[in-house]
């Protein structure tokens, strides 16, 4: 999988070091992605093992996601100040130790605490892995490296449920966490040996962490994430209160950032049309992608009548395509340019989403898998090109925080998509309990949901066009960054 990238780097003396550095970065993306999905399959077993309710063991997943979402921007900024390689090594160590603690936890509450620590390590790895690309590969190969990391993320997410099921059935639930220990040790040794040393940047090293801004942003993101996840898409007083808290928090954060000498986020950076458009598009596209994961299983089982095994096999087609197309997508970006491929990817997603809605009920599984392949292949193109656009020309002292924002935008999109697209699906089906809906209602809800998803990508395409036009008219000065 690494060979296409390495072939273009063999003429340099550091080809071997670059290869092993990319292996380390790949593992740093694979491991946290794997743990995003591997625990889900074990929730029934964990509920039985700890004598807990399903609502309680859900926090095993939620604690991990909340830690990543709330801390990923802050740890990216810490990497800019104290050294990205140094903090990445700390993140790998923390993730590995926390995985060990998860596997030996005697009570549910200790397991939840260990998952929170694991999420902190995952946030460091996810943010700083992308940031390290600029220091590991030449600029003209950024797209290929981004495509590789996208592939590893897709492999981790895809592999999680199946690997988790095998490990639980064969060795017990503890092994879904303990499997990270040998991977983490190997990754730490590779990173310590082959990742480039941190460069001494006077401006970054003199900067101080914006403690107040960090705390405000973390609490705001936690409030929003909880609002989107509690209640399973049904908004009650608690959800509304959390959303209002998040809205107040973001206003307070913005005001605070204008007052401090070394802000966590310089608000002037959002005047960069490419950056603002790229982050907005990442949120919207991730929101839409979540529809395939939320709505797809209900449509396949309730409307088309497939059993759980067939639903799982069909659902794996999307992530599998993303995994296979990630590296080629990156090379296409390097060859034809990120802007052109962003447009191509979005147009392809629009076509695929409309086809999913239009072919509802026709051609059986093929009528769903075919358009899904179109959507996910073009999503891989979009992700590689958008990530390249955002990260390629960022100044060194800002790579960590911008990388954290990029990962945050994806997480926020997935969290929002689970709530919003699920709510649209339920509303369009015309029922309160979707699990008891008639096949016709589920099919109707699916059509409406994917039609709305296609329109959201049309809006994303408009943002891409507007951002590109604005950037050409008013290029951002370096001082803003």
Protein backbone atom coordinates (compact mmCIF):
# COMPACT_ATOMS: atom_id res chain seq x y z
CA UNK A 1 0.00 0.00 0.00
CA UNK A 2 2.96 2.31 0.71
CA UNK A 3 4.80 1.37 -2.50
CA UNK A 4 3.22 3.98 -4.84
CA UNK A 5 4.38 6.77 -2.54
CA UNK A 6 7.82 5.33 -1.87
CA UNK A 7 8.66 4.83 -5.56
CA UNK A 8 8.59 8.59 -6.06
CA UNK A 9 10.92 9.15 -3.11
CA UNK A 10 13.67 6.59 -3.85
CA UNK A 11 15.92 9.15 -5.49
CA UNK A 12 16.50 10.82 -2.11
CA UNK A 13 18.88 9.56 0.58
CA UNK A 14 16.10 9.55 3.14
CA UNK A 15 13.79 7.20 1.22
CA UNK A 16 14.16 4.42 3.78
CA UNK A 17 13.56 6.76 6.72
CA UNK A 18 10.56 8.28 4.95
CA UNK A 19 9.12 4.82 4.38
CA UNK A 20 9.33 3.87 8.05
CA UNK A 21 8.12 7.30 9.12
CA UNK A 22 5.03 6.78 6.94
CA UNK A 23 4.55 3.36 8.53
CA UNK A 24 4.54 5.04 11.94
CA UNK A 25 2.12 7.76 10.82
CA UNK A 26 -0.11 5.09 9.30
CA UNK A 27 -0.22 3.18 12.60
CA UNK A 28 -0.92 6.45 14.42
CA UNK A 29 -4.00 6.90 12.26
CA UNK A 30 -5.04 3.23 12.24
CA UNK A 31 -5.04 2.67 16.01
CA UNK A 32 -7.43 5.46 17.11
CA UNK A 33 -9.70 4.76 14.11
CA UNK A 34 -9.83 1.08 15.07
CA UNK A 35 -10.89 1.95 18.61
CA UNK A 36 -13.64 4.23 17.35
CA UNK A 37 -15.57 1.18 16.13
CA UNK A 38 -14.10 -1.90 17.82
CA UNK A 39 -15.86 -1.34 21.17
CA UNK A 40 -19.36 -1.05 19.66
CA UNK A 41 -19.60 -4.75 18.87
CA UNK A 42 -18.65 -5.60 22.45
CA UNK A 43 -21.31 -3.53 24.23
CA UNK A 44 -23.72 -6.46 24.84
CA UNK A 45 -20.86 -8.58 26.21
CA UNK A 46 -19.60 -5.71 28.38
CA UNK A 47 -23.10 -5.07 29.74
CA UNK A 48 -23.27 -8.70 30.83
CA UNK A 49 -19.72 -8.76 32.20
CA UNK A 50 -20.23 -5.71 34.42
CA UNK A 51 -23.91 -6.27 35.19
CA UNK A 52 -24.72 -2.87 33.69
CA UNK A 53 -27.54 -1.49 31.55
CA UNK A 54 -27.08 -0.79 27.85
CA UNK A 55 -27.33 2.96 28.57
CA UNK A 56 -24.43 2.68 31.01
CA UNK A 57 -22.12 0.71 28.74
CA UNK A 58 -22.81 3.13 25.87
CA UNK A 59 -20.55 5.52 27.73
CA UNK A 60 -17.65 3.22 26.83
CA UNK A 61 -18.05 4.54 23.30
CA UNK A 62 -19.18 8.04 24.28
CA UNK A 63 -16.30 8.71 26.72
CA UNK A 64 -13.79 7.96 23.96
CA UNK A 65 -15.51 10.14 21.36
CA UNK A 66 -16.06 13.01 23.79
CA UNK A 67 -12.39 13.07 24.78
CA UNK A 68 -11.31 13.22 21.15
CA UNK A 69 -13.86 15.86 20.17
CA UNK A 70 -13.23 18.20 23.09
CA UNK A 71 -9.43 18.01 23.16
CA UNK A 72 -8.23 17.56 19.58
CA UNK A 73 -7.76 21.26 18.80
CA UNK A 74 -6.04 21.93 22.11
CA UNK A 75 -3.52 19.10 21.74
CA UNK A 76 -2.80 20.27 18.21
CA UNK A 77 -1.90 23.68 19.60
CA UNK A 78 0.23 22.07 22.31
CA UNK A 79 2.14 20.28 19.56
CA UNK A 80 2.85 23.61 17.85
CA UNK A 81 4.23 25.02 21.11
CA UNK A 82 6.15 22.11 22.63
CA UNK A 83 6.98 20.03 19.55
CA UNK A 84 4.74 17.81 17.44
CA UNK A 85 7.05 14.78 17.44
CA UNK A 86 7.47 14.98 21.21
CA UNK A 87 3.74 15.22 21.86
CA UNK A 88 2.95 12.48 19.33
CA UNK A 89 5.28 10.14 21.22
CA UNK A 90 3.47 11.07 24.44
CA UNK A 91 0.14 10.41 22.73
CA UNK A 92 1.21 6.97 21.50
CA UNK A 93 2.47 6.09 25.00
CA UNK A 94 -0.72 7.33 26.68
CA UNK A 95 -2.96 5.51 24.20
CA UNK A 96 -1.01 2.27 24.69
CA UNK A 97 -1.04 2.47 28.51
CA UNK A 98 -4.72 3.42 28.57
CA UNK A 99 -5.48 0.42 26.33
CA UNK A 100 -3.73 -1.80 28.88
CA UNK A 101 -5.76 -0.24 31.70
CA UNK A 102 -8.97 -0.80 29.70
CA UNK A 103 -8.14 -4.48 29.29
CA UNK A 104 -7.51 -5.06 33.01
CA UNK A 105 -10.20 -2.72 34.41
CA UNK A 106 -12.09 -4.53 37.21
CA UNK A 107 -15.12 -2.19 37.18
CA UNK A 108 -17.11 -0.30 34.57
CA UNK A 109 -16.21 3.09 36.05
CA UNK A 110 -12.49 2.39 35.87
CA UNK A 111 -12.99 1.22 32.29
CA UNK A 112 -14.76 4.50 31.48
CA UNK A 113 -11.90 6.48 33.03
CA UNK A 114 -9.36 4.49 31.02
CA UNK A 115 -11.38 5.07 27.83
CA UNK A 116 -11.27 8.80 28.51
CA UNK A 117 -7.47 8.64 28.80
CA UNK A 118 -7.38 6.54 25.65
CA UNK A 119 -9.41 9.24 23.90
CA UNK A 120 -6.87 11.87 24.98
CA UNK A 121 -4.06 9.78 23.50
CA UNK A 122 -6.14 9.25 20.35
CA UNK A 123 -6.69 13.02 20.01
CA UNK A 124 -2.93 13.59 20.13
CA UNK A 125 -2.31 10.90 17.54
CA UNK A 126 -5.03 12.00 15.13
CA UNK A 127 -4.18 15.71 15.25
CA UNK A 128 -0.40 15.42 15.15
CA UNK A 129 -0.23 12.63 12.57
CA UNK A 130 -1.73 14.87 9.90
CA UNK A 131 0.42 17.79 11.08
CA UNK A 132 3.61 15.69 10.74
CA UNK A 133 2.99 15.05 7.03
CA UNK A 134 4.46 18.44 6.11
CA UNK A 135 7.70 17.54 7.88
CA UNK A 136 7.90 13.98 6.56
CA UNK A 137 7.23 14.10 2.79
CA UNK A 138 7.95 16.68 0.06
CA UNK A 139 5.19 19.23 -0.55
CA UNK A 140 4.41 17.85 -4.01
CA UNK A 141 3.62 14.46 -2.43
CA UNK A 142 1.29 15.79 0.26
CA UNK A 143 -1.79 14.48 -1.53
CA UNK A 144 -0.40 10.94 -1.67
CA UNK A 145 0.40 10.98 2.04
CA UNK A 146 -3.05 12.36 2.89
CA UNK A 147 -4.63 9.66 0.78
CA UNK A 148 -2.62 7.03 2.65
CA UNK A 149 -3.75 8.35 6.02
CA UNK A 150 -7.35 8.41 4.79
CA UNK A 151 -6.94 4.79 3.75
CA UNK A 152 -5.63 3.80 7.19
CA UNK A 153 -8.52 5.61 8.87
CA UNK A 154 -11.02 3.74 6.68
CA UNK A 155 -9.28 0.41 7.30
CA UNK A 156 -9.39 0.99 11.06
CA UNK A 157 -13.09 1.88 11.03
CA UNK A 158 -13.92 -1.06 8.75
CA UNK A 159 -11.80 -3.59 10.59
CA UNK A 160 -13.08 -2.66 14.05
CA UNK A 161 -16.40 -4.54 14.20
CA UNK A 162 -15.17 -7.73 12.53
CA UNK A 163 -11.89 -7.87 14.47
CA UNK A 164 -13.73 -7.07 17.69
CA UNK A 165 -16.21 -9.88 17.12
CA UNK A 166 -13.44 -12.40 16.46
CA UNK A 167 -11.41 -11.36 19.50
CA UNK A 168 -14.39 -11.42 21.87
CA UNK A 169 -15.55 -14.81 20.63
CA UNK A 170 -12.06 -16.33 20.82
CA UNK A 171 -10.33 -14.67 23.78
CA UNK A 172 -12.78 -12.45 25.68
CA UNK A 173 -13.72 -8.77 25.70
CA UNK A 174 -10.41 -7.69 27.25
CA UNK A 175 -8.54 -8.39 24.03
CA UNK A 176 -10.38 -5.71 22.03
CA UNK A 177 -8.35 -3.23 24.09
CA UNK A 178 -5.19 -5.27 24.72
CA UNK A 179 -4.62 -5.71 20.97
CA UNK A 180 -3.43 -2.09 20.96
CA UNK A 181 -0.53 -2.79 23.32
CA UNK A 182 1.86 -4.55 20.88
CA UNK A 183 0.80 -2.18 18.11
CA UNK A 184 1.49 0.79 20.36
CA UNK A 185 4.92 -0.46 21.40
CA UNK A 186 5.93 -1.06 17.78
CA UNK A 187 4.58 2.35 16.76
CA UNK A 188 6.45 4.14 19.56
CA UNK A 189 9.75 2.54 18.54
CA UNK A 190 9.21 3.44 14.87
CA UNK A 191 8.19 7.02 15.67
CA UNK A 192 11.12 7.56 18.04
CA UNK A 193 13.56 6.24 15.43
CA UNK A 194 12.29 7.61 12.13
CA UNK A 195 10.05 10.67 12.59
CA UNK A 196 11.94 13.91 11.93
CA UNK A 197 13.10 15.82 14.99
CA UNK A 198 11.14 18.88 16.06
CA UNK A 199 12.49 22.09 14.61
CA UNK A 200 13.28 24.88 17.03
CA UNK A 201 10.82 27.66 16.23
CA UNK A 202 11.43 30.73 18.38
CA UNK A 203 7.98 32.18 17.78
CA UNK A 204 6.21 28.93 18.66
CA UNK A 205 8.45 28.07 21.60
CA UNK A 206 7.86 31.48 23.23
CA UNK A 207 4.09 31.12 22.91
CA UNK A 208 2.08 30.12 25.97
CA UNK A 209 -0.94 27.89 26.07
CA UNK A 210 -4.22 29.81 26.15
CA UNK A 211 -5.59 28.09 29.26
CA UNK A 212 -8.87 29.99 29.42
CA UNK A 213 -9.55 29.58 25.71
CA UNK A 214 -8.66 25.89 25.87
CA UNK A 215 -11.06 25.31 28.77
CA UNK A 216 -13.88 27.29 27.14
CA UNK A 217 -13.53 25.49 23.80
CA UNK A 218 -13.39 22.08 25.47
CA UNK A 219 -16.53 22.73 27.53
CA UNK A 220 -18.34 24.17 24.49
CA UNK A 221 -17.49 21.18 22.32
CA UNK A 222 -18.47 18.78 25.11
CA UNK A 223 -21.86 20.50 25.47
CA UNK A 224 -22.48 20.29 21.72
CA UNK A 225 -21.39 16.66 21.46
CA UNK A 226 -23.64 15.67 24.38
CA UNK A 227 -26.56 17.59 22.86
CA UNK A 228 -26.16 15.63 19.64
CA UNK A 229 -25.72 12.21 21.26
CA UNK A 230 -28.01 12.13 24.29
CA UNK A 231 -31.57 11.07 23.53
CA UNK A 232 -30.66 9.30 20.26
CA UNK A 233 -31.81 12.19 18.07
CA UNK A 234 -34.91 13.02 20.14
CA UNK A 235 -34.43 16.54 21.39
CA UNK A 236 -35.73 17.27 24.87
CA UNK A 237 -35.14 20.01 27.42
CA UNK A 238 -31.67 18.67 28.26
CA UNK A 239 -30.58 18.68 24.60
CA UNK A 240 -31.87 22.22 24.06
CA UNK A 241 -30.16 23.41 27.23
CA UNK A 242 -26.86 21.89 26.09
CA UNK A 243 -27.18 23.50 22.66
CA UNK A 244 -27.82 26.90 24.24
CA UNK A 245 -24.82 26.34 26.49
CA UNK A 246 -22.70 25.52 23.45
CA UNK A 247 -23.92 28.63 21.62
CA UNK A 248 -23.12 30.84 24.60
CA UNK A 249 -19.78 29.10 24.99
CA UNK A 250 -18.70 29.74 21.41
CA UNK A 251 -19.55 33.45 21.71
CA UNK A 252 -17.64 33.70 24.98
CA UNK A 253 -14.71 31.82 23.42
CA UNK A 254 -14.61 34.20 20.44
CA UNK A 255 -14.60 37.24 22.73
CA UNK A 256 -11.88 35.72 24.90
CA UNK A 257 -9.65 34.97 21.90
CA UNK A 258 -9.62 38.67 20.95
CA UNK A 259 -8.37 39.62 24.42
CA UNK A 260 -5.48 37.23 25.07
CA UNK A 261 -1.93 37.74 23.83
CA UNK A 262 -1.42 34.17 22.54
CA UNK A 263 -4.89 32.82 21.60
CA UNK A 264 -5.62 29.16 21.04
CA UNK A 265 -7.13 30.12 17.68
CA UNK A 266 -6.39 33.35 15.88
CA UNK A 267 -9.81 34.36 14.58
CA UNK A 268 -8.14 36.25 11.74
CA UNK A 269 -7.15 32.90 10.20
CA UNK A 270 -10.79 32.35 9.28
CA UNK A 271 -10.48 35.19 6.79
CA UNK A 272 -8.58 32.64 4.71
CA UNK A 273 -11.30 31.55 2.29
CA UNK A 274 -9.64 28.20 1.57
CA UNK A 275 -9.36 27.31 5.25
CA UNK A 276 -12.88 28.40 6.22
CA UNK A 277 -14.45 26.76 3.17
CA UNK A 278 -12.43 23.57 3.69
CA UNK A 279 -13.51 23.19 7.31
CA UNK A 280 -17.15 23.95 6.50
CA UNK A 281 -17.12 21.43 3.66
CA UNK A 282 -15.55 18.80 5.90
CA UNK A 283 -18.38 19.20 8.42
CA UNK A 284 -21.11 18.98 5.76
CA UNK A 285 -19.62 16.01 3.92
CA UNK A 286 -19.07 14.07 7.16
CA UNK A 287 -22.67 14.83 8.15
CA UNK A 288 -23.86 13.31 4.89
CA UNK A 289 -21.55 10.28 5.09
CA UNK A 290 -23.09 9.47 8.46
CA UNK A 291 -26.43 8.95 6.68
CA UNK A 292 -25.07 5.79 5.06
CA UNK A 293 -24.15 4.44 8.50
CA UNK A 294 -27.35 5.49 10.30
CA UNK A 295 -30.03 5.01 7.64
CA UNK A 296 -28.46 2.24 5.58
CA UNK A 297 -28.87 -0.62 8.10
CA UNK A 298 -32.57 0.16 8.69
CA UNK A 299 -33.31 0.33 4.97
CA UNK A 300 -31.48 -2.90 4.20
CA UNK A 301 -33.10 -4.85 7.04
CA UNK A 302 -36.59 -3.34 7.29
CA UNK A 303 -37.30 -2.45 3.65
CA UNK A 304 -35.26 -5.02 1.71
CA UNK A 305 -35.51 -7.80 4.31
CA UNK A 306 -31.83 -8.75 4.65
CA UNK A 307 -30.67 -10.52 7.80
CA UNK A 308 -27.93 -9.13 10.06
CA UNK A 309 -25.10 -11.01 8.32
CA UNK A 310 -26.07 -9.72 4.87
CA UNK A 311 -26.61 -6.19 6.19
CA UNK A 312 -23.11 -6.23 7.68
CA UNK A 313 -21.59 -7.47 4.44
CA UNK A 314 -23.39 -4.83 2.36
CA UNK A 315 -22.51 -2.06 4.80
CA UNK A 316 -18.83 -2.97 4.63
CA UNK A 317 -18.78 -2.12 0.91
CA UNK A 318 -18.54 1.63 1.57
CA UNK A 319 -15.58 1.62 3.99
CA UNK A 320 -13.88 -1.06 1.88
CA UNK A 321 -14.06 1.18 -1.20
CA UNK A 322 -12.68 4.10 0.84
CA UNK A 323 -9.80 1.92 2.00
CA UNK A 324 -8.96 0.77 -1.54
CA UNK A 325 -9.24 4.21 -3.16
CA UNK A 326 -7.47 6.33 -0.53
CA UNK A 327 -3.91 6.07 -1.90
CA UNK A 328 -4.92 6.32 -5.59
CA UNK A 329 -7.05 9.35 -4.69
CA UNK A 330 -4.03 11.03 -3.12
CA UNK A 331 -1.91 10.43 -6.20
CA UNK A 332 -4.67 11.83 -8.40
CA UNK A 333 -4.69 14.97 -6.25
CA UNK A 334 -0.92 15.37 -6.66
CA UNK A 335 -1.23 14.98 -10.42
CA UNK A 336 -4.30 17.06 -11.26
CA UNK A 337 -4.50 19.56 -8.41
CA UNK A 338 -6.53 19.65 -5.20
CA UNK A 339 -9.13 22.21 -6.31
CA UNK A 340 -10.14 20.31 -9.44
CA UNK A 341 -10.38 17.00 -7.59
CA UNK A 342 -12.45 18.57 -4.79
CA UNK A 343 -15.02 19.61 -7.37
CA UNK A 344 -14.91 16.19 -9.04
CA UNK A 345 -15.41 14.40 -5.73
CA UNK A 346 -18.39 16.55 -4.74
CA UNK A 347 -20.10 16.15 -8.11
CA UNK A 348 -19.57 12.38 -7.92
CA UNK A 349 -21.08 12.29 -4.42
CA UNK A 350 -24.15 14.22 -5.61
CA UNK A 351 -24.70 11.71 -8.42
CA UNK A 352 -24.27 8.73 -6.09
CA UNK A 353 -26.62 10.12 -3.42
CA UNK A 354 -29.36 10.92 -5.92
CA UNK A 355 -28.97 7.42 -7.38
CA UNK A 356 -29.43 5.85 -3.93
CA UNK A 357 -32.71 7.73 -3.57
CA UNK A 358 -33.85 7.11 -7.16
CA UNK A 359 -33.05 3.37 -7.21
CA UNK A 360 -34.82 2.67 -3.91
CA UNK A 361 -36.49 -0.73 -4.15
CA UNK A 362 -34.96 -1.54 -7.54
CA UNK A 363 -32.30 -4.16 -8.30
CA UNK A 364 -32.18 -5.34 -4.67
CA UNK A 365 -28.81 -5.05 -2.94
CA UNK A 366 -27.12 -4.00 -6.20
CA UNK A 367 -29.36 -0.93 -6.35
CA UNK A 368 -27.87 0.20 -3.05
CA UNK A 369 -24.29 -1.05 -3.31
CA UNK A 370 -23.64 0.45 -6.76
CA UNK A 371 -24.51 4.05 -5.82
CA UNK A 372 -22.83 3.58 -2.43
CA UNK A 373 -19.57 2.70 -4.18
CA UNK A 374 -19.89 5.90 -6.23
CA UNK A 375 -20.47 7.96 -3.08
CA UNK A 376 -17.58 6.50 -1.09
CA UNK A 377 -15.06 6.50 -3.94
CA UNK A 378 -15.75 10.18 -4.55
CA UNK A 379 -15.69 10.83 -0.82
CA UNK A 380 -12.13 9.48 -0.82
CA UNK A 381 -11.28 11.94 -3.62
CA UNK A 382 -12.84 14.82 -1.70
CA UNK A 383 -11.16 13.95 1.58
CA UNK A 384 -7.67 13.66 0.06
CA UNK A 385 -8.02 16.88 -1.91
CA UNK A 386 -9.66 18.93 0.86
CA UNK A 387 -7.09 17.83 3.45
CA UNK A 388 -4.30 18.69 1.02
CA UNK A 389 -5.77 22.13 0.32
CA UNK A 390 -6.03 22.94 4.02
CA UNK A 391 -2.63 21.59 5.14
CA UNK A 392 -0.33 22.15 2.17
CA UNK A 393 0.56 25.83 2.63
CA UNK A 394 0.00 26.21 6.38
CA UNK A 395 2.99 27.73 8.17
CA UNK A 396 4.93 25.29 10.36
CA UNK A 397 3.97 26.89 13.67
CA UNK A 398 0.25 26.49 12.87
CA UNK A 399 0.17 22.91 11.54
CA UNK A 400 -0.83 21.27 14.81
CA UNK A 401 -3.80 23.48 15.60
CA UNK A 402 -5.06 23.50 11.99
CA UNK A 403 -4.72 19.72 11.82
CA UNK A 404 -6.70 19.50 15.06
CA UNK A 405 -9.42 21.72 13.59
CA UNK A 406 -9.56 19.53 10.49
CA UNK A 407 -10.03 16.38 12.57
CA UNK A 408 -12.54 18.22 14.77
CA UNK A 409 -14.60 19.27 11.74
CA UNK A 410 -14.89 15.63 10.68
CA UNK A 411 -15.89 14.50 14.18
CA UNK A 412 -18.47 17.26 14.53
CA UNK A 413 -19.92 16.29 11.16
CA UNK A 414 -20.23 12.64 12.17
CA UNK A 415 -21.84 13.53 15.51
CA UNK A 416 -24.22 15.99 13.87
CA UNK A 417 -25.04 13.56 11.08
CA UNK A 418 -25.99 10.81 13.52
CA UNK A 419 -28.55 13.13 15.13
CA UNK A 420 -29.77 15.23 12.21
CA UNK A 421 -29.88 12.63 9.45
CA UNK A 422 -31.43 10.15 11.88
CA UNK A 423 -34.09 12.72 12.80
CA UNK A 424 -34.83 13.43 9.12
CA UNK A 425 -35.15 9.71 8.46
CA UNK A 426 -37.57 9.22 11.37
CA UNK A 427 -39.65 12.27 10.43
CA UNK A 428 -39.82 11.33 6.74
CA UNK A 429 -40.88 7.79 7.68
CA UNK A 430 -43.85 9.20 9.57
CA UNK A 431 -43.36 7.01 12.65
CA UNK A 432 -42.13 7.50 16.20
CA UNK A 433 -40.37 4.15 16.56
CA UNK A 434 -38.44 3.39 13.36
CA UNK A 435 -37.78 -0.20 14.46
CA UNK A 436 -41.50 -0.93 14.18
CA UNK A 437 -42.09 0.92 10.90
CA UNK A 438 -43.55 -0.80 7.84
CA UNK A 439 -41.17 -1.44 4.92
CA UNK A 440 -42.93 1.18 2.79
CA UNK A 441 -42.43 3.84 5.47
CA UNK A 442 -38.76 2.98 5.84
CA UNK A 443 -38.26 3.13 2.07
CA UNK A 444 -39.97 6.52 1.88
CA UNK A 445 -37.87 7.85 4.73
CA UNK A 446 -34.71 6.60 3.07
CA UNK A 447 -35.53 8.34 -0.20
CA UNK A 448 -36.16 11.65 1.51
CA UNK A 449 -33.04 11.39 3.67
CA UNK A 450 -30.70 10.73 0.77
CA UNK A 451 -32.35 13.41 -1.35
CA UNK A 452 -31.68 15.89 1.47
CA UNK A 453 -28.12 14.52 1.71
CA UNK A 454 -27.60 15.17 -2.01
CA UNK A 455 -28.85 18.74 -1.60
CA UNK A 456 -26.43 19.28 1.27
CA UNK A 457 -23.57 18.27 -1.03
CA UNK A 458 -24.93 20.68 -3.66
CA UNK A 459 -24.58 23.34 -0.99
CA UNK A 460 -21.07 22.08 -0.25
CA UNK A 461 -20.18 22.43 -3.93
CA UNK A 462 -21.46 26.03 -3.82
CA UNK A 463 -19.18 26.71 -0.84
CA UNK A 464 -16.23 25.26 -2.77
CA UNK A 465 -16.93 27.50 -5.75
CA UNK A 466 -17.49 30.60 -3.62
CA UNK A 467 -14.37 29.96 -1.53
CA UNK A 468 -12.24 29.53 -4.62
CA UNK A 469 -13.60 32.70 -6.23
CA UNK A 470 -13.09 34.74 -3.05
CA UNK A 471 -9.56 33.42 -2.55
CA UNK A 472 -8.60 34.56 -6.06
CA UNK A 473 -10.02 38.04 -5.48
CA UNK A 474 -8.70 38.61 -1.97
CA UNK A 475 -5.68 36.46 -1.06
CA UNK A 476 -4.99 36.44 2.66
CA UNK A 477 -1.94 38.20 3.99
CA UNK A 478 0.61 36.14 5.87
CA UNK A 479 -0.03 38.16 9.05
CA UNK A 480 -3.50 36.67 9.34
CA UNK A 481 -2.06 33.21 9.63
